[in-house]
Protein backbone atom coordinates (compact mmCIF):
# COMPACT_ATOMS: atom_id res chain seq x y z
CA UNK A 1 6.27 -7.48 4.62
CA UNK A 2 9.72 -6.04 3.94
CA UNK A 3 12.20 -3.89 6.23
CA UNK A 4 14.87 -2.04 4.32
CA UNK A 5 17.45 -0.37 6.24
CA UNK A 6 18.89 2.15 2.70
CA UNK A 7 21.72 4.26 4.20
CA UNK A 8 23.96 6.22 2.21
CA UNK A 9 27.49 5.24 2.06
CA UNK A 10 29.49 2.07 2.14
CA UNK A 11 30.05 0.24 4.78
CA UNK A 12 33.56 -2.06 4.28
CA UNK A 13 34.31 -4.63 7.03
CA UNK A 14 34.62 -4.57 10.43
CA UNK A 15 32.64 -4.69 13.37
CA UNK A 16 30.27 -2.82 12.48
CA UNK A 17 29.31 -4.33 9.40
CA UNK A 18 29.30 -7.86 11.24
CA UNK A 19 26.70 -6.85 13.84
CA UNK A 20 24.51 -5.02 11.27
CA UNK A 21 24.73 -8.11 9.36
CA UNK A 22 24.18 -10.51 12.48
CA UNK A 23 21.09 -8.29 13.69
CA UNK A 24 19.66 -8.09 10.28
CA UNK A 25 19.63 -12.28 9.51
CA UNK A 26 18.30 -12.54 13.08
CA UNK A 27 15.21 -10.40 12.44
CA UNK A 28 14.58 -12.29 9.30
CA UNK A 29 15.16 -15.73 10.94
CA UNK A 30 12.14 -14.20 13.70
CA UNK A 31 10.43 -12.24 11.77
CA UNK A 32 9.29 -15.08 9.28
CA UNK A 33 6.74 -16.46 11.34
CA UNK A 34 5.41 -12.82 11.95
CA UNK A 35 4.21 -11.84 8.64
CA UNK A 36 7.84 -9.26 8.61
CA UNK A 37 10.70 -9.75 6.74
CA UNK A 38 12.99 -10.16 4.18
CA UNK A 39 15.04 -7.46 5.98
CA UNK A 40 17.63 -5.45 3.86
CA UNK A 41 19.80 -3.30 3.61
CA UNK A 42 21.40 -0.89 -0.20
CA UNK A 43 23.50 1.33 0.14
CA UNK A 44 24.01 4.02 -2.35
CA UNK A 45 26.87 6.70 -2.79
CA UNK A 46 27.02 9.61 -4.38
CA UNK A 47 30.26 9.48 -6.44
CA UNK A 48 29.27 12.72 -7.67
CA UNK A 49 28.62 14.56 -4.67
CA UNK A 50 25.81 16.09 -5.29
CA UNK A 51 24.99 16.94 -1.63
CA UNK A 52 21.64 16.00 -0.09
CA UNK A 53 19.57 15.88 -2.55
CA UNK A 54 21.20 14.22 -4.77
CA UNK A 55 21.69 11.79 -2.60
CA UNK A 56 17.08 11.87 -1.61
CA UNK A 57 17.04 11.04 -5.51
CA UNK A 58 19.37 7.96 -4.42
CA UNK A 59 17.53 6.80 -1.81
CA UNK A 60 14.62 6.92 -3.35
CA UNK A 61 15.58 5.71 -7.00
CA UNK A 62 13.86 2.34 -6.51
CA UNK A 63 10.58 2.79 -3.74
CA UNK A 64 7.85 1.34 -4.27
CA UNK A 65 5.13 4.08 -3.93
CA UNK A 66 2.78 2.33 -1.02
CA UNK A 67 6.06 1.89 0.86
CA UNK A 68 6.52 3.11 4.71
CA UNK A 69 9.27 5.86 4.73
CA UNK A 70 11.46 6.10 7.23
CA UNK A 71 13.55 9.13 8.25
CA UNK A 72 15.79 9.14 11.03
CA UNK A 73 17.06 11.97 11.87
CA UNK A 74 17.95 14.14 15.28
CA UNK A 75 14.54 16.47 14.75
CA UNK A 76 12.01 13.56 14.65
CA UNK A 77 9.93 11.17 17.16
CA UNK A 78 11.74 9.97 19.74
CA UNK A 79 9.79 6.25 20.23
CA UNK A 80 9.99 3.49 22.61
CA UNK A 81 11.20 -0.25 21.62
CA UNK A 82 7.80 -0.88 22.08
CA UNK A 83 6.20 2.08 20.47
CA UNK A 84 8.59 1.45 17.29
CA UNK A 85 6.39 -2.71 17.30
CA UNK A 86 3.36 -1.36 17.51
CA UNK A 87 3.67 1.27 13.87
CA UNK A 88 5.72 -1.10 12.20
CA UNK A 89 2.36 -3.82 13.18
CA UNK A 90 0.13 -1.56 12.24
CA UNK A 91 1.60 -0.94 9.36
CA UNK A 92 2.29 -4.71 8.52
CA UNK A 93 -1.17 -4.91 9.44
CA UNK A 94 -2.70 -2.18 6.95
CA UNK A 95 -1.09 -4.52 4.11
CA UNK A 96 1.82 -1.48 3.48
CA UNK A 97 4.76 -4.19 1.39
CA UNK A 98 7.47 -2.57 1.97
CA UNK A 99 9.28 -0.05 4.71
CA UNK A 100 11.76 1.57 3.91
CA UNK A 101 14.20 3.25 6.83
CA UNK A 102 16.69 5.86 5.52
CA UNK A 103 19.80 7.69 7.00
CA UNK A 104 21.39 10.73 4.50
CA UNK A 105 24.92 11.36 4.14
CA UNK A 106 27.32 13.41 6.21
CA UNK A 107 25.19 16.27 5.53
CA UNK A 108 21.82 14.60 6.78
CA UNK A 109 18.65 13.01 4.65
CA UNK A 110 17.54 16.67 2.47
CA UNK A 111 14.35 18.74 4.16
CA UNK A 112 12.29 18.29 1.06
CA UNK A 113 12.73 13.89 1.57
CA UNK A 114 11.99 14.98 5.61
CA UNK A 115 9.25 16.21 4.98
CA UNK A 116 7.51 13.22 2.57
CA UNK A 117 8.54 10.09 4.75
CA UNK A 118 5.67 9.15 6.68
CA UNK A 119 7.73 8.92 9.71
CA UNK A 120 11.08 11.17 11.27
CA UNK A 121 12.08 8.90 13.49
CA UNK A 122 14.87 9.76 16.37
CA UNK A 123 17.92 7.89 19.11
CA UNK A 124 17.93 11.21 20.62
CA UNK A 125 19.25 14.31 20.46
CA UNK A 126 22.51 13.83 20.03
CA UNK A 127 24.68 12.95 16.28
CA UNK A 128 25.37 9.22 15.21
CA UNK A 129 27.81 7.80 13.51
CA UNK A 130 26.17 6.93 10.35
CA UNK A 131 27.84 3.11 10.66
CA UNK A 132 26.39 2.90 14.13
CA UNK A 133 23.14 4.45 12.98
CA UNK A 134 23.28 1.53 11.22
CA UNK A 135 23.83 -0.64 13.46
CA UNK A 136 20.97 1.03 16.27
CA UNK A 137 18.48 0.39 14.02
CA UNK A 138 19.40 -3.23 13.13
CA UNK A 139 19.45 -3.98 16.74
CA UNK A 140 16.17 -2.20 16.75
CA UNK A 141 14.14 -4.02 14.34
CA UNK A 142 15.74 -7.56 16.18
CA UNK A 143 13.81 -6.74 18.73
CA UNK A 144 10.59 -5.57 17.14
CA UNK A 145 10.47 -8.87 16.44
CA UNK A 146 11.08 -9.95 19.79
CA UNK A 147 8.58 -8.02 21.48
CA UNK A 148 6.31 -9.11 18.76
CA UNK A 149 6.85 -13.31 19.46
CA UNK A 150 6.74 -12.50 23.17
CA UNK A 151 10.90 -13.24 23.64
CA UNK A 152 12.27 -12.18 26.84
CA UNK A 153 15.07 -10.57 24.90
CA UNK A 154 13.17 -7.20 25.69
CA UNK A 155 13.32 -6.07 29.62
CA UNK A 156 11.37 -3.52 29.73
């Protein structure tokens, strides 16, 4: 099952980009034997400034109809890492081909897109910069592979 982070905006080279690339590469290596992967990231950019509605159209443009949509939103559910691993395992075992994690622009995700998502996920009530939200999500995806593989990486 493919796992993709789709985010509004371009992230330049730097420490955040290096962390995202590292965590997604690690997740890809660990996830193969678990039926998870590849782990990808896709960036979209609303060059015309159409706001959340235009960004939503870009985020969902190439979305497979049977993909699981997870919207990152401060109003979403705050799951533990093992709970996220359970959800991903359930989707994989149900035969879902892909999980797409959606990160909106500066004004967040369009309400219609949030409502359409299979899960709205929050990293807490605080608002995080988009680059850090991507890093945290990439790390959590790696952590999911480690939880499912039974490694000591996740110490809870």
